[in-house]
């Protein structure tokens, strides 16, 4: 299938269709690059000026932009165009992408004690160790490694070259991209006489349902208890999650975030790219951390938090950081003194 019609989209996803339901759609495109055979979306009134010049066959937009959209041609009107677009991509992919037929490649190495559910795909060169469990409809890409007693939930998809180590588990409908390592040892060493003594990492990693993990992200196993990602967590590429971290449901992190060991992050948090969260801190639910922010203390109230500070020797840095936090108060005191001097 290479083309769809507008009527099929609205029947599947809803919305108010203005225009012919037989109009053919071949692509989903961003607004500036839309062509006469594509569908696009406009969610922000700030981009209203681009709408008239848009060549798309159909524009998904909100009731507030209804008149502008209708003036240029076909439209789907919906309260949340961005959400509609997201669901359209899922629906489109399910129909356009080639499906993977269930089956086990002859080069896969699967221990006899492993349990493989129905409708599972196991790709070339996969290794599945004793006691592992693969749920119904799961897809295990080429050269993946599933360790002893690991569990992969039903309908979960592992891209090629994912490693799920001993006793770690993923829930249902997860998506794990290439290069991810789940359950490597956490960074634990005891200093002794100028050297380091390894602390064995005896916990595991427990990942809930509907979690997506970006390429080359690493999630370390717990030292004693487990590292936990709750349902709906979304991680970008190249993220490091330290041992015994706990991430609440539906929290999202952009690329290059680092979370040190034993940090507890609440639900529905958003962590910007390259942000760092120090170990043993707690972030409340609904905390948003800006790009490249270094979180050095617990955040116990929802809100948006930002900030970074140049590197310095520690003693100077602590003094300057303490002063910086008082700048607002100092400014108000200076203003008050200036008013007194003028009166």
Protein backbone atom coordinates (compact mmCIF):
# COMPACT_ATOMS: atom_id res chain seq x y z
CA UNK A 1 0.00 0.00 0.00
CA UNK A 2 1.45 3.39 -1.04
CA UNK A 3 -1.56 5.72 -0.90
CA UNK A 4 -4.54 6.33 1.39
CA UNK A 5 -7.62 8.52 1.18
CA UNK A 6 -8.77 11.15 3.67
CA UNK A 7 -11.94 9.23 4.49
CA UNK A 8 -9.88 6.29 5.78
CA UNK A 9 -7.91 8.58 8.09
CA UNK A 10 -10.98 10.26 9.58
CA UNK A 11 -12.80 6.95 9.99
CA UNK A 12 -9.85 5.61 11.97
CA UNK A 13 -8.88 8.70 13.97
CA UNK A 14 -11.93 10.95 14.07
CA UNK A 15 -11.98 14.70 13.57
CA UNK A 16 -14.15 16.88 11.34
CA UNK A 17 -13.29 16.45 7.67
CA UNK A 18 -13.73 19.43 5.38
CA UNK A 19 -13.23 18.35 1.78
CA UNK A 20 -13.57 15.19 -0.25
CA UNK A 21 -13.13 11.89 1.62
CA UNK A 22 -11.76 10.43 -1.64
CA UNK A 23 -8.79 12.81 -1.75
CA UNK A 24 -5.61 10.73 -2.11
CA UNK A 25 -2.74 11.09 0.38
CA UNK A 26 0.72 9.66 -0.31
CA UNK A 27 2.88 11.33 2.37
CA UNK A 28 2.87 12.96 5.80
CA UNK A 29 4.98 16.11 5.52
CA UNK A 30 6.07 19.09 7.66
CA UNK A 31 4.17 22.25 6.81
CA UNK A 32 6.91 24.08 4.82
CA UNK A 33 7.72 20.99 2.73
CA UNK A 34 4.19 19.77 2.04
CA UNK A 35 3.31 18.77 -1.53
CA UNK A 36 -0.09 18.43 -3.24
CA UNK A 37 -0.25 14.71 -2.37
CA UNK A 38 0.65 15.07 1.32
CA UNK A 39 -1.09 15.74 4.63
CA UNK A 40 0.43 18.09 7.20
CA UNK A 41 -0.52 19.72 10.50
CA UNK A 42 -0.55 23.18 12.06
CA UNK A 43 -0.90 23.41 15.83
CA UNK A 44 0.35 26.95 16.54
CA UNK A 45 -1.34 30.19 15.54
CA UNK A 46 2.14 31.71 15.26
CA UNK A 47 2.56 29.80 11.98
CA UNK A 48 -0.75 31.03 10.57
CA UNK A 49 1.07 33.05 7.90
CA UNK A 50 2.49 29.85 6.37
CA UNK A 51 -0.92 28.30 5.93
CA UNK A 52 -2.03 30.22 2.84
CA UNK A 53 1.11 29.25 0.91
CA UNK A 54 1.00 25.60 1.99
CA UNK A 55 0.52 23.20 -0.95
CA UNK A 56 -0.62 20.17 1.10
CA UNK A 57 -3.68 18.25 0.02
CA UNK A 58 -4.99 18.48 3.60
CA UNK A 59 -4.03 20.32 6.79
CA UNK A 60 -4.79 19.04 10.30
CA UNK A 61 -5.51 22.04 12.50
CA UNK A 62 -7.54 23.40 15.41
CA UNK A 63 -10.96 25.08 15.52
CA UNK A 64 -9.20 28.43 16.06
CA UNK A 65 -7.61 28.17 12.61
CA UNK A 66 -10.61 26.65 10.90
CA UNK A 67 -11.40 29.60 8.59
CA UNK A 68 -7.79 29.95 7.44
CA UNK A 69 -7.54 26.22 6.74
CA UNK A 70 -10.83 26.05 4.83
CA UNK A 71 -9.82 29.06 2.70
CA UNK A 72 -6.90 27.09 1.26
CA UNK A 73 -8.53 23.65 0.79
CA UNK A 74 -9.21 20.36 2.61
CA UNK A 75 -8.75 20.20 6.37
CA UNK A 76 -9.27 17.98 9.39
CA UNK A 77 -10.38 19.99 12.41
CA UNK A 78 -9.46 18.57 15.83
CA UNK A 79 -8.95 20.05 19.32
CA UNK A 80 -5.31 18.90 19.52
CA UNK A 81 -3.63 18.80 16.08
CA UNK A 82 -0.26 17.67 17.43
CA UNK A 83 -1.80 14.69 19.22
CA UNK A 84 -3.79 13.87 16.07
CA UNK A 85 -0.54 14.01 14.07
CA UNK A 86 1.15 11.62 16.52
CA UNK A 87 -1.68 9.11 16.22
CA UNK A 88 -1.70 9.52 12.45
CA UNK A 89 1.99 8.53 12.30
CA UNK A 90 1.23 5.38 14.32
CA UNK A 91 -1.73 4.47 12.12
CA UNK A 92 0.27 5.22 8.97
CA UNK A 93 3.28 3.16 10.07
CA UNK A 94 1.08 0.16 10.88
CA UNK A 95 -0.16 0.17 7.29
CA UNK A 96 2.88 1.31 5.34
CA UNK A 97 5.82 -0.43 6.99
CA UNK A 98 6.52 -4.03 6.02
CA UNK A 99 5.47 -6.34 8.83
CA UNK A 100 7.86 -8.84 10.39
CA UNK A 101 6.58 -12.39 10.05
CA UNK A 102 6.82 -14.52 13.21
CA UNK A 103 9.53 -17.12 13.22
CA UNK A 104 12.95 -18.04 14.56
CA UNK A 105 15.98 -17.59 12.35
CA UNK A 106 18.09 -20.74 12.04
CA UNK A 107 21.22 -18.93 13.29
CA UNK A 108 19.57 -17.94 16.59
CA UNK A 109 20.91 -19.74 19.68
CA UNK A 110 18.09 -20.40 22.15
CA UNK A 111 18.50 -22.47 25.29
CA UNK A 112 16.00 -25.31 25.61
CA UNK A 113 14.77 -23.95 28.96
CA UNK A 114 13.85 -20.54 27.54
CA UNK A 115 10.13 -19.90 27.03
CA UNK A 116 9.16 -18.38 23.68
CA UNK A 117 5.56 -17.20 23.30
CA UNK A 118 3.37 -17.42 20.23
CA UNK A 119 3.87 -15.15 17.23
CA UNK A 120 7.42 -14.18 18.25
CA UNK A 121 10.08 -13.06 15.78
CA UNK A 122 13.71 -13.94 16.63
CA UNK A 123 16.26 -12.57 14.17
CA UNK A 124 19.65 -13.79 12.95
CA UNK A 125 22.38 -14.31 15.51
CA UNK A 126 20.18 -13.77 18.56
CA UNK A 127 21.29 -15.44 21.80
CA UNK A 128 18.66 -16.31 24.43
CA UNK A 129 20.03 -17.78 27.65
CA UNK A 130 18.53 -20.37 30.05
CA UNK A 131 15.32 -19.44 31.84
CA UNK A 132 14.59 -16.40 29.69
CA UNK A 133 10.98 -15.58 28.81
CA UNK A 134 9.80 -13.93 25.59
CA UNK A 135 6.14 -12.88 25.57
CA UNK A 136 3.60 -13.33 22.78
CA UNK A 137 4.15 -11.23 19.68
CA UNK A 138 7.53 -9.89 20.77
CA UNK A 139 10.18 -9.07 18.17
CA UNK A 140 13.87 -9.68 18.93
CA UNK A 141 16.12 -8.07 16.31
CA UNK A 142 19.32 -9.48 14.86
CA UNK A 143 22.25 -10.08 17.24
CA UNK A 144 20.31 -9.26 20.40
CA UNK A 145 21.38 -10.87 23.66
CA UNK A 146 18.78 -11.96 26.24
CA UNK A 147 20.44 -13.05 29.47
CA UNK A 148 19.58 -15.84 31.86
CA UNK A 149 16.15 -15.44 33.51
CA UNK A 150 15.50 -12.16 31.68
CA UNK A 151 11.89 -11.38 30.71
CA UNK A 152 10.61 -9.59 27.61
CA UNK A 153 6.91 -8.69 27.69
CA UNK A 154 4.38 -9.33 24.95
CA UNK A 155 4.46 -7.09 21.87
CA UNK A 156 7.79 -5.57 22.93
CA UNK A 157 10.19 -4.76 20.07
CA UNK A 158 13.96 -4.95 20.38
CA UNK A 159 15.92 -3.47 17.47
CA UNK A 160 19.16 -5.19 16.41
CA UNK A 161 22.04 -5.39 18.92
CA UNK A 162 20.16 -4.81 22.17
CA UNK A 163 21.50 -6.48 25.33
CA UNK A 164 19.18 -7.40 28.19
CA UNK A 165 21.34 -8.87 30.91
CA UNK A 166 20.73 -11.50 33.60
CA UNK A 167 17.40 -11.30 35.47
CA UNK A 168 16.35 -7.95 33.96
CA UNK A 169 12.80 -7.44 32.70
CA UNK A 170 10.82 -5.32 30.27
CA UNK A 171 7.04 -4.98 30.27
CA UNK A 172 4.61 -5.08 27.39
CA UNK A 173 4.68 -2.97 24.21
CA UNK A 174 8.11 -1.51 24.87
CA UNK A 175 10.37 -0.26 22.06
CA UNK A 176 14.12 -0.56 22.54
CA UNK A 177 16.46 0.83 19.88
CA UNK A 178 19.83 -0.46 18.72
CA UNK A 179 22.82 -0.46 21.02
CA UNK A 180 20.85 -0.26 24.28
CA UNK A 181 22.34 -2.13 27.25
CA UNK A 182 19.95 -2.96 30.07
CA UNK A 183 21.51 -4.36 33.21
CA UNK A 184 25.23 -3.69 32.92
CA UNK A 185 26.99 -3.26 36.27
CA UNK A 186 26.48 0.03 38.04
CA UNK A 187 29.54 2.14 38.83
CA UNK A 188 30.37 0.92 42.34
CA UNK A 189 33.86 0.76 43.84
CA UNK A 190 35.27 1.10 47.36
CA UNK A 191 38.57 2.98 47.71
CA UNK A 192 41.40 1.13 49.40
CA UNK A 193 45.06 2.15 49.63
CA UNK A 194 44.85 4.29 46.52
CA UNK A 195 43.08 1.59 44.52
CA UNK A 196 39.49 0.48 43.94
CA UNK A 197 37.66 -2.62 45.18
CA UNK A 198 34.67 -3.62 43.06
CA UNK A 199 31.23 -3.67 44.65
CA UNK A 200 29.27 -6.43 42.98
CA UNK A 201 25.97 -5.20 41.58
CA UNK A 202 23.41 -7.68 42.88
CA UNK A 203 20.15 -6.02 41.81
CA UNK A 204 18.48 -5.97 38.41
CA UNK A 205 16.55 -3.59 36.12
CA UNK A 206 12.74 -3.56 36.11
CA UNK A 207 11.07 -1.73 33.23
CA UNK A 208 7.30 -1.23 32.97
CA UNK A 209 4.90 -1.24 30.04
CA UNK A 210 4.95 1.14 27.05
CA UNK A 211 8.50 2.33 27.67
CA UNK A 212 10.68 3.52 24.77
CA UNK A 213 14.48 3.61 25.04
CA UNK A 214 16.65 5.40 22.47
CA UNK A 215 19.76 4.09 20.75
CA UNK A 216 22.93 3.48 22.79
CA UNK A 217 21.29 4.33 26.10
CA UNK A 218 22.55 2.40 29.13
CA UNK A 219 20.50 1.48 32.20
CA UNK A 220 22.62 0.01 35.00
CA UNK A 221 21.44 -2.76 37.30
CA UNK A 222 21.00 -1.97 40.98
CA UNK A 223 23.73 -2.54 43.53
CA UNK A 224 21.36 -4.25 45.99
CA UNK A 225 17.80 -3.32 45.07
CA UNK A 226 16.65 -2.78 41.49
CA UNK A 227 16.83 0.10 39.04
CA UNK A 228 13.21 0.87 38.08
CA UNK A 229 11.56 2.59 35.12
CA UNK A 230 7.80 2.81 35.56
CA UNK A 231 5.15 2.63 32.83
CA UNK A 232 5.34 5.02 29.89
CA UNK A 233 8.85 6.36 30.46
CA UNK A 234 10.49 7.74 27.29
CA UNK A 235 14.26 7.96 26.98
CA UNK A 236 16.15 9.50 24.06
CA UNK A 237 19.51 8.35 22.66
CA UNK A 238 22.77 8.26 24.62
CA UNK A 239 21.32 8.52 28.11
CA UNK A 240 23.02 7.09 31.20
CA UNK A 241 20.81 5.85 34.04
CA UNK A 242 22.88 4.89 37.09
CA UNK A 243 22.29 2.04 39.53
CA UNK A 244 19.22 2.09 41.76
CA UNK A 245 17.68 5.08 40.01
CA UNK A 246 13.89 5.14 40.02
CA UNK A 247 12.02 6.99 37.26
CA UNK A 248 8.30 7.64 37.67
CA UNK A 249 5.59 6.94 35.12
CA UNK A 250 5.50 8.93 31.86
CA UNK A 251 8.68 10.89 32.53
CA UNK A 252 10.63 11.85 29.38
CA UNK A 253 14.35 12.58 28.96
CA UNK A 254 16.13 14.05 25.93
CA UNK A 255 19.53 12.97 24.62
CA UNK A 256 22.74 12.90 26.66
CA UNK A 257 21.03 13.19 30.03
CA UNK A 258 22.95 11.61 32.90
CA UNK A 259 21.27 10.43 36.09
CA UNK A 260 23.61 9.35 38.88
CA UNK A 261 22.96 6.44 41.20
CA UNK A 262 20.01 6.28 43.59
CA UNK A 263 18.31 9.41 42.27
CA UNK A 264 14.50 9.28 42.47
CA UNK A 265 12.64 11.09 39.69
CA UNK A 266 8.90 11.57 39.88
CA UNK A 267 6.15 11.01 37.35
CA UNK A 268 5.54 13.19 34.28
CA UNK A 269 8.88 14.96 34.59
CA UNK A 270 10.63 16.38 31.52
CA UNK A 271 14.44 16.46 31.49
CA UNK A 272 16.10 18.53 28.75
CA UNK A 273 19.06 17.34 26.71
CA UNK A 274 22.48 17.11 28.38
CA UNK A 275 21.02 17.82 31.82
CA UNK A 276 22.68 16.08 34.76
CA UNK A 277 21.03 14.90 37.96
CA UNK A 278 23.32 14.10 40.87
CA UNK A 279 22.99 10.92 42.88
CA UNK A 280 20.66 10.38 45.85
CA UNK A 281 18.50 13.40 44.92
CA UNK A 282 14.71 13.44 44.65
CA UNK A 283 12.68 15.22 41.99
CA UNK A 284 8.95 15.68 42.62
CA UNK A 285 6.28 14.82 40.09
CA UNK A 286 5.87 17.29 37.18
CA UNK A 287 9.34 18.82 37.42
CA UNK A 288 10.72 20.23 34.15
CA UNK A 289 14.50 20.64 33.88
CA UNK A 290 15.92 22.86 31.13
CA UNK A 291 18.62 21.85 28.65
CA UNK A 292 22.12 21.42 30.13
CA UNK A 293 20.98 22.16 33.68
CA UNK A 294 22.95 20.54 36.50
CA UNK A 295 20.63 19.50 39.33
CA UNK A 296 22.67 19.54 42.55
CA UNK A 297 19.88 19.48 45.13
CA UNK A 298 16.51 17.81 45.49
CA UNK A 299 13.53 19.54 43.86
CA UNK A 300 10.40 19.00 45.90
CA UNK A 301 7.90 21.24 44.07
CA UNK A 302 6.62 20.98 40.47
CA UNK A 303 7.85 23.64 38.07
CA UNK A 304 10.51 24.62 35.55
CA UNK A 305 14.11 24.65 36.77
CA UNK A 306 17.19 25.95 34.92
CA UNK A 307 20.82 26.78 35.50
CA UNK A 308 24.48 25.92 35.10
CA UNK A 309 27.64 27.36 36.59
CA UNK A 310 31.23 27.57 35.33
CA UNK A 311 33.75 25.09 36.69
CA UNK A 312 36.07 26.32 39.47
CA UNK A 313 37.93 24.88 42.42
CA UNK A 314 35.32 23.47 44.75
CA UNK A 315 35.76 25.90 47.64
CA UNK A 316 35.41 28.92 45.35
CA UNK A 317 32.53 27.36 43.47
CA UNK A 318 30.56 26.73 46.66
CA UNK A 319 31.07 30.32 47.86
CA UNK A 320 30.06 31.77 44.50
CA UNK A 321 27.08 29.45 44.18
CA UNK A 322 25.84 30.48 47.62
CA UNK A 323 26.20 34.15 46.66
CA UNK A 324 24.49 33.63 43.33
CA UNK A 325 21.42 32.22 45.02
CA UNK A 326 21.15 35.48 47.03
CA UNK A 327 21.41 37.83 44.01
CA UNK A 328 17.69 38.56 43.84
CA UNK A 329 17.55 39.46 47.54
CA UNK A 330 20.70 41.57 47.25
CA UNK A 331 19.27 43.42 44.26
CA UNK A 332 16.11 44.31 46.17
CA UNK A 333 18.17 45.53 49.14
CA UNK A 334 20.28 47.72 46.84
CA UNK A 335 17.16 49.19 45.25
CA UNK A 336 15.76 49.98 48.69
CA UNK A 337 19.03 51.69 49.71
CA UNK A 338 19.07 53.71 46.48
CA UNK A 339 15.53 54.95 47.16
CA UNK A 340 16.54 55.95 50.69
CA UNK A 341 19.56 57.86 49.44
CA UNK A 342 17.46 59.82 46.94
CA UNK A 343 14.78 60.76 49.44
